[in-house]
Amino acid sequence: MNVFVLNAGRCGSTTFIEACKHITNYSASHESRSRYCGARRLAYPANHIEADNRLSWMLGRLDRRFGDQAFYVHLRRDRDATVQSFVRRADFGIMRAYRGGILLGGSGQSAEDIARDYLDTVESNIALFLRGKSGKMDFFLEQAPRDFPLFWERIHAEGNLDLALAEWSIRHNASPP
């Protein structure tokens, strides 16, 4: 079974995968196929856990390829904290692409307005995609010590849960202050 950690970004997806690297019956990667297009983009190996916020723009293709045969995690973080993290990265990555490519420059709107709009868009896309899926769970960054053991159980993970839980005390890929 494949596992996809769907998220908007800036919500702990790197840490999630670092924790999953302590699972021995799955491989785990962060944005491992993000540079590919076509069939290669979703050519994940079996029994693999992938976190990639860009998958929120490919949900139709993800459904066609994996449908209800995969397990999906909707990873989220406190809304205001996520927005502020995106504001600190307003001229980088997905925020620059969203402002310039989707909002055609976003004239007259603050970085915070654009970050909130992006977050609303992605969260809505993920929620719609997950409607009717049988293998899914909500996961909240702020409650990782509670949610990760539930995730572990749901996917029948094997490995070292204690080491996996310890990863949640490390800030991986944090935005600069």
N, C-alpha and C. Protein backbone atom coordinates (compact mmCIF):
# COMPACT_ATOMS: atom_id res chain seq x y z
N MET A 1 0.85 -1.18 0.00
CA MET A 1 0.00 0.00 0.00
C MET A 1 0.89 1.24 0.00
N ASN A 2 0.49 2.23 -0.76
CA ASN A 2 1.18 3.51 -0.76
C ASN A 2 0.46 4.47 0.18
N VAL A 3 1.23 5.40 0.72
CA VAL A 3 0.70 6.41 1.64
C VAL A 3 1.10 7.77 1.10
N PHE A 4 0.12 8.68 1.01
CA PHE A 4 0.39 10.04 0.54
C PHE A 4 0.02 11.03 1.64
N VAL A 5 0.99 11.87 1.99
CA VAL A 5 0.80 12.89 3.00
C VAL A 5 0.48 14.18 2.26
N LEU A 6 -0.81 14.49 2.14
CA LEU A 6 -1.27 15.66 1.39
C LEU A 6 -1.25 16.86 2.32
N ASN A 7 -0.77 17.97 1.81
CA ASN A 7 -0.61 19.15 2.65
C ASN A 7 -0.37 20.38 1.81
N ALA A 8 -0.51 21.54 2.43
CA ALA A 8 -0.29 22.81 1.75
C ALA A 8 1.17 23.24 1.79
N GLY A 9 1.93 22.62 2.66
CA GLY A 9 3.31 23.05 2.89
C GLY A 9 3.39 23.83 4.19
N ARG A 10 4.60 23.99 4.72
CA ARG A 10 4.87 24.74 5.95
C ARG A 10 4.11 24.16 7.15
N CYS A 11 3.92 22.84 7.14
CA CYS A 11 3.10 22.22 8.18
C CYS A 11 3.74 20.99 8.81
N GLY A 12 5.02 20.77 8.57
CA GLY A 12 5.70 19.65 9.19
C GLY A 12 5.89 18.44 8.29
N SER A 13 5.75 18.60 6.99
CA SER A 13 5.86 17.44 6.10
C SER A 13 7.27 16.85 6.08
N THR A 14 8.28 17.68 6.21
CA THR A 14 9.65 17.16 6.26
C THR A 14 9.84 16.34 7.53
N THR A 15 9.35 16.85 8.65
CA THR A 15 9.45 16.12 9.91
C THR A 15 8.65 14.83 9.85
N PHE A 16 7.49 14.88 9.21
CA PHE A 16 6.67 13.68 9.06
C PHE A 16 7.48 12.57 8.38
N ILE A 17 8.16 12.92 7.30
CA ILE A 17 8.94 11.92 6.58
C ILE A 17 10.15 11.47 7.38
N GLU A 18 10.78 12.38 8.09
CA GLU A 18 11.90 11.96 8.95
C GLU A 18 11.43 10.94 9.98
N ALA A 19 10.24 11.14 10.53
CA ALA A 19 9.67 10.16 11.47
C ALA A 19 9.38 8.84 10.76
N CYS A 20 8.89 8.91 9.54
CA CYS A 20 8.55 7.70 8.78
C CYS A 20 9.78 6.90 8.38
N LYS A 21 10.94 7.51 8.37
CA LYS A 21 12.17 6.78 8.03
C LYS A 21 12.52 5.74 9.08
N HIS A 22 11.82 5.77 10.21
CA HIS A 22 12.02 4.75 11.25
C HIS A 22 11.05 3.59 11.08
N ILE A 23 10.29 3.61 10.00
CA ILE A 23 9.38 2.51 9.64
C ILE A 23 10.15 1.59 8.71
N THR A 24 10.17 0.31 9.02
CA THR A 24 10.98 -0.63 8.24
C THR A 24 10.22 -1.32 7.11
N ASN A 25 8.90 -1.29 7.13
CA ASN A 25 8.15 -1.97 6.06
C ASN A 25 7.62 -1.01 5.00
N TYR A 26 8.08 0.24 5.03
CA TYR A 26 7.77 1.24 4.00
C TYR A 26 9.05 2.02 3.71
N SER A 27 9.19 2.51 2.48
CA SER A 27 10.18 3.55 2.19
C SER A 27 9.47 4.88 2.40
N ALA A 28 10.23 5.94 2.58
CA ALA A 28 9.61 7.25 2.83
C ALA A 28 10.48 8.35 2.23
N SER A 29 9.84 9.30 1.53
CA SER A 29 10.56 10.41 0.91
C SER A 29 9.72 11.67 0.93
N HIS A 30 10.42 12.78 0.82
CA HIS A 30 9.80 14.10 0.76
C HIS A 30 10.08 14.70 -0.61
N GLU A 31 9.02 14.94 -1.37
CA GLU A 31 9.12 15.59 -2.69
C GLU A 31 10.09 14.86 -3.62
N SER A 32 10.08 13.53 -3.58
CA SER A 32 11.06 12.75 -4.32
C SER A 32 10.85 12.74 -5.83
N ARG A 33 9.65 13.01 -6.30
CA ARG A 33 9.39 12.96 -7.73
C ARG A 33 8.88 14.31 -8.25
N SER A 34 9.11 15.37 -7.48
CA SER A 34 8.53 16.68 -7.82
C SER A 34 9.10 17.29 -9.09
N ARG A 35 10.22 16.82 -9.58
CA ARG A 35 10.83 17.39 -10.79
C ARG A 35 10.39 16.69 -12.07
N TYR A 36 9.59 15.64 -11.93
CA TYR A 36 9.18 14.85 -13.09
C TYR A 36 7.79 15.25 -13.57
N CYS A 37 7.52 14.94 -14.82
CA CYS A 37 6.18 15.12 -15.37
C CYS A 37 5.74 13.83 -16.03
N GLY A 38 4.51 13.82 -16.51
CA GLY A 38 3.98 12.63 -17.15
C GLY A 38 3.88 11.46 -16.19
N ALA A 39 3.97 10.25 -16.72
CA ALA A 39 3.82 9.04 -15.91
C ALA A 39 4.90 8.94 -14.83
N ARG A 40 6.07 9.49 -15.07
CA ARG A 40 7.16 9.43 -14.08
C ARG A 40 6.82 10.17 -12.80
N ARG A 41 5.96 11.20 -12.90
CA ARG A 41 5.65 12.02 -11.73
C ARG A 41 5.04 11.21 -10.61
N LEU A 42 4.17 10.28 -10.93
CA LEU A 42 3.48 9.49 -9.91
C LEU A 42 3.96 8.04 -9.87
N ALA A 43 5.15 7.78 -10.36
CA ALA A 43 5.69 6.42 -10.39
C ALA A 43 6.38 6.08 -9.06
N TYR A 44 5.60 6.09 -8.00
CA TYR A 44 6.13 5.77 -6.68
C TYR A 44 6.23 4.26 -6.52
N PRO A 45 7.26 3.80 -5.81
CA PRO A 45 7.35 2.36 -5.58
C PRO A 45 6.25 1.89 -4.63
N ALA A 46 5.97 0.61 -4.64
CA ALA A 46 4.98 0.04 -3.72
C ALA A 46 5.48 0.18 -2.29
N ASN A 47 4.53 0.27 -1.37
CA ASN A 47 4.85 0.39 0.06
C ASN A 47 5.76 1.59 0.33
N HIS A 48 5.33 2.72 -0.17
CA HIS A 48 6.10 3.96 -0.06
C HIS A 48 5.23 5.04 0.56
N ILE A 49 5.83 5.86 1.41
CA ILE A 49 5.17 7.02 2.00
C ILE A 49 5.78 8.26 1.37
N GLU A 50 4.95 9.12 0.79
CA GLU A 50 5.42 10.33 0.11
C GLU A 50 4.70 11.55 0.65
N ALA A 51 5.46 12.58 0.99
CA ALA A 51 4.90 13.89 1.34
C ALA A 51 5.38 14.88 0.30
N ASP A 52 4.43 15.57 -0.33
CA ASP A 52 4.76 16.55 -1.37
C ASP A 52 3.57 17.49 -1.51
N ASN A 53 3.75 18.74 -1.11
CA ASN A 53 2.62 19.67 -1.18
C ASN A 53 2.15 19.92 -2.61
N ARG A 54 2.98 19.65 -3.60
CA ARG A 54 2.59 19.85 -4.99
C ARG A 54 1.55 18.83 -5.46
N LEU A 55 1.42 17.73 -4.73
CA LEU A 55 0.41 16.74 -5.11
C LEU A 55 -1.00 17.32 -5.02
N SER A 56 -1.18 18.39 -4.25
CA SER A 56 -2.50 19.01 -4.14
C SER A 56 -2.96 19.59 -5.47
N TRP A 57 -2.05 19.78 -6.41
CA TRP A 57 -2.39 20.28 -7.74
C TRP A 57 -2.53 19.14 -8.74
N MET A 58 -2.34 17.90 -8.28
CA MET A 58 -2.40 16.73 -9.16
C MET A 58 -3.36 15.69 -8.62
N LEU A 59 -4.35 16.11 -7.89
CA LEU A 59 -5.23 15.16 -7.21
C LEU A 59 -6.04 14.30 -8.18
N GLY A 60 -6.42 14.85 -9.31
CA GLY A 60 -7.14 14.05 -10.30
C GLY A 60 -6.27 12.91 -10.81
N ARG A 61 -5.03 13.21 -11.11
CA ARG A 61 -4.10 12.18 -11.58
C ARG A 61 -3.77 11.19 -10.47
N LEU A 62 -3.63 11.69 -9.24
CA LEU A 62 -3.36 10.81 -8.10
C LEU A 62 -4.52 9.83 -7.91
N ASP A 63 -5.74 10.33 -8.06
CA ASP A 63 -6.91 9.49 -7.93
C ASP A 63 -6.95 8.43 -9.05
N ARG A 64 -6.65 8.85 -10.26
CA ARG A 64 -6.66 7.92 -11.39
C ARG A 64 -5.61 6.82 -11.20
N ARG A 65 -4.46 7.16 -10.65
CA ARG A 65 -3.36 6.20 -10.50
C ARG A 65 -3.52 5.32 -9.25
N PHE A 66 -3.96 5.91 -8.11
CA PHE A 66 -4.00 5.16 -6.86
C PHE A 66 -5.40 5.01 -6.27
N GLY A 67 -6.31 5.93 -6.60
CA GLY A 67 -7.69 5.84 -6.15
C GLY A 67 -7.83 5.51 -4.68
N ASP A 68 -8.67 4.51 -4.41
CA ASP A 68 -8.95 4.12 -3.03
C ASP A 68 -8.01 3.00 -2.57
N GLN A 69 -6.97 2.73 -3.34
CA GLN A 69 -6.01 1.68 -2.98
C GLN A 69 -4.87 2.21 -2.11
N ALA A 70 -4.79 3.52 -1.95
CA ALA A 70 -3.74 4.14 -1.12
C ALA A 70 -4.35 4.62 0.19
N PHE A 71 -3.47 5.00 1.10
CA PHE A 71 -3.87 5.61 2.36
C PHE A 71 -3.44 7.07 2.28
N TYR A 72 -4.33 7.98 2.68
CA TYR A 72 -4.06 9.41 2.56
C TYR A 72 -4.09 10.07 3.93
N VAL A 73 -3.09 10.90 4.16
CA VAL A 73 -3.01 11.70 5.38
C VAL A 73 -3.20 13.15 4.99
N HIS A 74 -4.09 13.84 5.67
CA HIS A 74 -4.24 15.29 5.47
C HIS A 74 -3.51 15.97 6.61
N LEU A 75 -2.30 16.39 6.33
CA LEU A 75 -1.42 17.02 7.32
C LEU A 75 -1.70 18.52 7.38
N ARG A 76 -1.97 18.98 8.58
CA ARG A 76 -2.26 20.41 8.77
C ARG A 76 -1.54 20.95 10.01
N ARG A 77 -1.48 22.27 10.03
CA ARG A 77 -0.86 23.00 11.13
C ARG A 77 -1.77 24.17 11.46
N ASP A 78 -1.62 24.73 12.63
CA ASP A 78 -2.39 25.92 13.00
C ASP A 78 -2.40 26.91 11.83
N ARG A 79 -3.57 27.37 11.46
CA ARG A 79 -3.73 28.22 10.27
C ARG A 79 -2.87 29.48 10.31
N ASP A 80 -2.91 30.22 11.42
CA ASP A 80 -2.13 31.46 11.50
C ASP A 80 -0.63 31.20 11.43
N ALA A 81 -0.17 30.15 12.08
CA ALA A 81 1.25 29.81 12.03
C ALA A 81 1.66 29.44 10.60
N THR A 82 0.81 28.72 9.89
CA THR A 82 1.11 28.34 8.51
C THR A 82 1.17 29.58 7.63
N VAL A 83 0.20 30.45 7.77
CA VAL A 83 0.18 31.69 6.98
C VAL A 83 1.44 32.50 7.23
N GLN A 84 1.81 32.68 8.49
CA GLN A 84 3.00 33.47 8.80
C GLN A 84 4.27 32.83 8.25
N SER A 85 4.35 31.52 8.24
CA SER A 85 5.50 30.85 7.65
C SER A 85 5.55 31.11 6.14
N PHE A 86 4.40 31.08 5.49
CA PHE A 86 4.36 31.40 4.06
C PHE A 86 4.71 32.86 3.80
N VAL A 87 4.28 33.77 4.67
CA VAL A 87 4.60 35.19 4.50
C VAL A 87 6.12 35.38 4.54
N ARG A 88 6.81 34.65 5.41
CA ARG A 88 8.27 34.75 5.49
C ARG A 88 8.94 34.21 4.22
N ARG A 89 8.18 33.48 3.42
CA ARG A 89 8.70 32.93 2.16
C ARG A 89 7.92 33.47 0.96
N ALA A 90 7.44 34.69 1.07
CA ALA A 90 6.57 35.27 0.04
C ALA A 90 7.22 35.35 -1.33
N ASP A 91 8.52 35.47 -1.39
CA ASP A 91 9.21 35.59 -2.68
C ASP A 91 9.94 34.33 -3.09
N PHE A 92 9.48 33.20 -2.58
CA PHE A 92 10.16 31.93 -2.81
C PHE A 92 9.14 30.82 -3.09
N GLY A 93 9.51 29.89 -3.92
CA GLY A 93 8.75 28.66 -4.11
C GLY A 93 7.29 28.84 -4.48
N ILE A 94 6.45 28.09 -3.78
CA ILE A 94 5.03 28.03 -4.12
C ILE A 94 4.33 29.38 -3.95
N MET A 95 4.77 30.20 -3.01
CA MET A 95 4.13 31.51 -2.83
C MET A 95 4.41 32.40 -4.03
N ARG A 96 5.64 32.40 -4.51
CA ARG A 96 5.96 33.19 -5.70
C ARG A 96 5.19 32.66 -6.91
N ALA A 97 5.13 31.34 -7.04
CA ALA A 97 4.42 30.74 -8.17
C ALA A 97 2.92 31.03 -8.10
N TYR A 98 2.34 30.93 -6.91
CA TYR A 98 0.90 31.18 -6.76
C TYR A 98 0.57 32.64 -7.04
N ARG A 99 1.36 33.55 -6.45
CA ARG A 99 1.12 34.98 -6.67
C ARG A 99 1.28 35.34 -8.14
N GLY A 100 2.38 34.91 -8.75
CA GLY A 100 2.67 35.31 -10.12
C GLY A 100 1.92 34.53 -11.18
N GLY A 101 1.73 33.24 -10.98
CA GLY A 101 1.14 32.40 -12.01
C GLY A 101 -0.36 32.19 -11.88
N ILE A 102 -0.85 32.02 -10.68
CA ILE A 102 -2.28 31.77 -10.47
C ILE A 102 -3.02 33.09 -10.29
N LEU A 103 -2.46 33.99 -9.47
CA LEU A 103 -3.13 35.27 -9.22
C LEU A 103 -2.64 36.38 -10.16
N LEU A 104 -1.84 36.02 -11.15
CA LEU A 104 -1.33 36.97 -12.16
C LEU A 104 -0.74 38.22 -11.52
N GLY A 105 0.04 38.01 -10.49
CA GLY A 105 0.75 39.11 -9.84
C GLY A 105 0.15 39.52 -8.52
N GLY A 106 -1.12 39.24 -8.32
CA GLY A 106 -1.77 39.55 -7.04
C GLY A 106 -1.73 41.03 -6.68
N SER A 107 -1.89 41.88 -7.64
CA SER A 107 -1.79 43.33 -7.43
C SER A 107 -2.62 43.81 -6.26
N GLY A 108 -2.00 44.64 -5.43
CA GLY A 108 -2.69 45.30 -4.34
C GLY A 108 -3.05 44.40 -3.17
N GLN A 109 -2.52 43.20 -3.14
CA GLN A 109 -2.84 42.29 -2.05
C GLN A 109 -1.57 42.01 -1.24
N SER A 110 -1.74 41.93 0.03
CA SER A 110 -0.59 41.69 0.90
C SER A 110 -0.12 40.24 0.80
N ALA A 111 1.09 40.03 1.23
CA ALA A 111 1.63 38.67 1.27
C ALA A 111 0.75 37.79 2.16
N GLU A 112 0.23 38.35 3.22
CA GLU A 112 -0.64 37.59 4.12
C GLU A 112 -1.95 37.22 3.43
N ASP A 113 -2.55 38.16 2.67
CA ASP A 113 -3.78 37.85 1.92
C ASP A 113 -3.53 36.72 0.92
N ILE A 114 -2.42 36.79 0.24
CA ILE A 114 -2.10 35.77 -0.76
C ILE A 114 -1.86 34.42 -0.10
N ALA A 115 -1.15 34.41 1.02
CA ALA A 115 -0.89 33.17 1.74
C ALA A 115 -2.20 32.55 2.23
N ARG A 116 -3.11 33.37 2.74
CA ARG A 116 -4.41 32.85 3.20
C ARG A 116 -5.21 32.27 2.03
N ASP A 117 -5.18 32.95 0.89
CA ASP A 117 -5.90 32.48 -0.28
C ASP A 117 -5.32 31.15 -0.76
N TYR A 118 -4.00 31.08 -0.82
CA TYR A 118 -3.35 29.83 -1.21
C TYR A 118 -3.74 28.70 -0.27
N LEU A 119 -3.66 28.94 1.03
CA LEU A 119 -3.97 27.91 2.01
C LEU A 119 -5.42 27.46 1.89
N ASP A 120 -6.35 28.41 1.74
CA ASP A 120 -7.77 28.05 1.55
C ASP A 120 -7.96 27.19 0.31
N THR A 121 -7.28 27.55 -0.78
CA THR A 121 -7.41 26.81 -2.04
C THR A 121 -6.92 25.38 -1.89
N VAL A 122 -5.73 25.23 -1.36
CA VAL A 122 -5.15 23.89 -1.24
C VAL A 122 -5.92 23.03 -0.24
N GLU A 123 -6.27 23.60 0.91
CA GLU A 123 -7.03 22.84 1.91
C GLU A 123 -8.38 22.38 1.35
N SER A 124 -9.03 23.23 0.57
CA SER A 124 -10.30 22.86 -0.05
C SER A 124 -10.13 21.76 -1.09
N ASN A 125 -9.05 21.85 -1.89
CA ASN A 125 -8.78 20.81 -2.88
C ASN A 125 -8.57 19.46 -2.20
N ILE A 126 -7.79 19.44 -1.13
CA ILE A 126 -7.51 18.18 -0.43
C ILE A 126 -8.78 17.63 0.19
N ALA A 127 -9.56 18.48 0.85
CA ALA A 127 -10.80 18.02 1.50
C ALA A 127 -11.75 17.40 0.47
N LEU A 128 -11.89 18.03 -0.68
CA LEU A 128 -12.77 17.48 -1.73
C LEU A 128 -12.24 16.14 -2.23
N PHE A 129 -10.94 16.06 -2.47
CA PHE A 129 -10.33 14.82 -2.93
C PHE A 129 -10.57 13.67 -1.95
N LEU A 130 -10.48 13.95 -0.67
CA LEU A 130 -10.59 12.90 0.34
C LEU A 130 -12.02 12.45 0.61
N ARG A 131 -12.98 13.23 0.14
CA ARG A 131 -14.38 12.86 0.34
C ARG A 131 -14.63 11.49 -0.29
N GLY A 132 -15.10 10.56 0.50
CA GLY A 132 -15.40 9.22 0.00
C GLY A 132 -14.25 8.24 0.01
N LYS A 133 -13.03 8.70 0.33
CA LYS A 133 -11.89 7.78 0.42
C LYS A 133 -12.02 6.97 1.71
N SER A 134 -11.72 5.67 1.63
CA SER A 134 -11.86 4.84 2.83
C SER A 134 -10.61 4.85 3.69
N GLY A 135 -9.43 4.98 3.11
CA GLY A 135 -8.19 4.98 3.87
C GLY A 135 -7.65 6.39 4.00
N LYS A 136 -7.97 7.04 5.10
CA LYS A 136 -7.54 8.43 5.27
C LYS A 136 -7.53 8.79 6.75
N MET A 137 -6.79 9.85 7.06
CA MET A 137 -6.83 10.40 8.41
C MET A 137 -6.39 11.85 8.40
N ASP A 138 -6.95 12.62 9.31
CA ASP A 138 -6.49 13.98 9.56
C ASP A 138 -5.34 13.89 10.54
N PHE A 139 -4.33 14.73 10.32
CA PHE A 139 -3.15 14.73 11.18
C PHE A 139 -2.79 16.18 11.44
N PHE A 140 -2.68 16.54 12.70
CA PHE A 140 -2.40 17.93 13.08
C PHE A 140 -1.00 18.02 13.68
N LEU A 141 -0.17 18.87 13.12
CA LEU A 141 1.21 19.03 13.56
C LEU A 141 1.29 19.24 15.07
N GLU A 142 0.43 20.08 15.59
CA GLU A 142 0.48 20.40 17.02
C GLU A 142 0.12 19.20 17.89
N GLN A 143 -0.45 18.17 17.30
CA GLN A 143 -0.84 16.98 18.06
C GLN A 143 -0.11 15.74 17.54
N ALA A 144 1.07 15.94 16.98
CA ALA A 144 1.83 14.83 16.41
C ALA A 144 2.09 13.70 17.41
N PRO A 145 2.43 13.98 18.67
CA PRO A 145 2.65 12.85 19.60
C PRO A 145 1.40 11.99 19.79
N ARG A 146 0.23 12.56 19.59
CA ARG A 146 -1.02 11.80 19.69
C ARG A 146 -1.36 11.16 18.34
N ASP A 147 -1.19 11.92 17.24
CA ASP A 147 -1.63 11.46 15.93
C ASP A 147 -0.68 10.45 15.28
N PHE A 148 0.64 10.58 15.52
CA PHE A 148 1.57 9.69 14.83
C PHE A 148 1.40 8.22 15.24
N PRO A 149 1.22 7.90 16.52
CA PRO A 149 0.97 6.49 16.84
C PRO A 149 -0.32 5.95 16.20
N LEU A 150 -1.33 6.79 16.03
CA LEU A 150 -2.55 6.38 15.34
C LEU A 150 -2.25 6.09 13.86
N PHE A 151 -1.48 6.96 13.25
CA PHE A 151 -1.06 6.75 11.86
C PHE A 151 -0.28 5.43 11.76
N TRP A 152 0.66 5.24 12.65
CA TRP A 152 1.50 4.03 12.69
C TRP A 152 0.61 2.77 12.71
N GLU A 153 -0.38 2.81 13.56
CA GLU A 153 -1.30 1.68 13.69
C GLU A 153 -2.13 1.49 12.43
N ARG A 154 -2.64 2.59 11.87
CA ARG A 154 -3.52 2.51 10.71
C ARG A 154 -2.84 1.91 9.49
N ILE A 155 -1.53 2.17 9.32
CA ILE A 155 -0.83 1.63 8.15
C ILE A 155 -0.08 0.33 8.49
N HIS A 156 -0.25 -0.16 9.70
CA HIS A 156 0.43 -1.38 10.15
C HIS A 156 1.94 -1.26 10.02
N ALA A 157 2.45 -0.12 10.49
CA ALA A 157 3.88 0.14 10.40
C ALA A 157 4.65 -0.78 11.34
N GLU A 158 5.86 -1.07 10.92
CA GLU A 158 6.81 -1.83 11.73
C GLU A 158 8.07 -0.99 11.84
N GLY A 159 8.80 -1.13 12.92
CA GLY A 159 10.03 -0.38 13.11
C GLY A 159 10.13 0.14 14.52
N ASN A 160 10.74 1.31 14.67
CA ASN A 160 10.99 1.86 15.99
C ASN A 160 10.13 3.10 16.21
N LEU A 161 8.99 2.91 16.84
CA LEU A 161 8.07 4.03 17.07
C LEU A 161 8.68 5.07 17.99
N ASP A 162 9.46 4.67 18.97
CA ASP A 162 10.07 5.65 19.89
C ASP A 162 11.01 6.60 19.14
N LEU A 163 11.83 6.06 18.25
CA LEU A 163 12.71 6.93 17.45
C LEU A 163 11.90 7.82 16.51
N ALA A 164 10.84 7.26 15.96
CA ALA A 164 9.97 8.06 15.09
C ALA A 164 9.36 9.23 15.86
N LEU A 165 8.86 8.97 17.04
CA LEU A 165 8.26 10.04 17.85
C LEU A 165 9.28 11.09 18.25
N ALA A 166 10.52 10.69 18.45
CA ALA A 166 11.58 11.64 18.82
C ALA A 166 11.83 12.67 17.71
N GLU A 167 11.57 12.30 16.47
CA GLU A 167 11.76 13.24 15.35
C GLU A 167 10.87 14.48 15.49
N TRP A 168 9.72 14.33 16.14
CA TRP A 168 8.79 15.44 16.27
C TRP A 168 9.30 16.52 17.21
N SER A 169 10.37 16.26 17.92
CA SER A 169 10.95 17.30 18.80
C SER A 169 12.04 18.09 18.08
N ILE A 170 12.31 17.73 16.83
CA ILE A 170 13.32 18.41 16.01
C ILE A 170 12.60 19.27 14.98
N ARG A 171 13.04 20.52 14.81
CA ARG A 171 12.43 21.38 13.79
C ARG A 171 13.19 21.20 12.47
N HIS A 172 12.61 20.43 11.60
CA HIS A 172 13.19 20.20 10.26
C HIS A 172 12.63 21.25 9.30
N ASN A 173 13.49 21.83 8.47
CA ASN A 173 13.06 22.75 7.40
C ASN A 173 12.27 23.95 7.92
N ALA A 174 12.67 24.49 9.05
CA ALA A 174 11.96 25.64 9.62
C ALA A 174 12.24 26.90 8.81
N SER A 175 11.26 27.79 8.72
CA SER A 175 11.45 29.08 8.06
C SER A 175 12.33 29.96 8.93
N PRO A 176 13.10 30.83 8.30
CA PRO A 176 13.89 31.76 9.11
C PRO A 176 12.95 32.70 9.89
N PRO A 177 13.40 33.18 11.05
CA PRO A 177 12.53 34.06 11.85
C PRO A 177 12.24 35.39 11.16
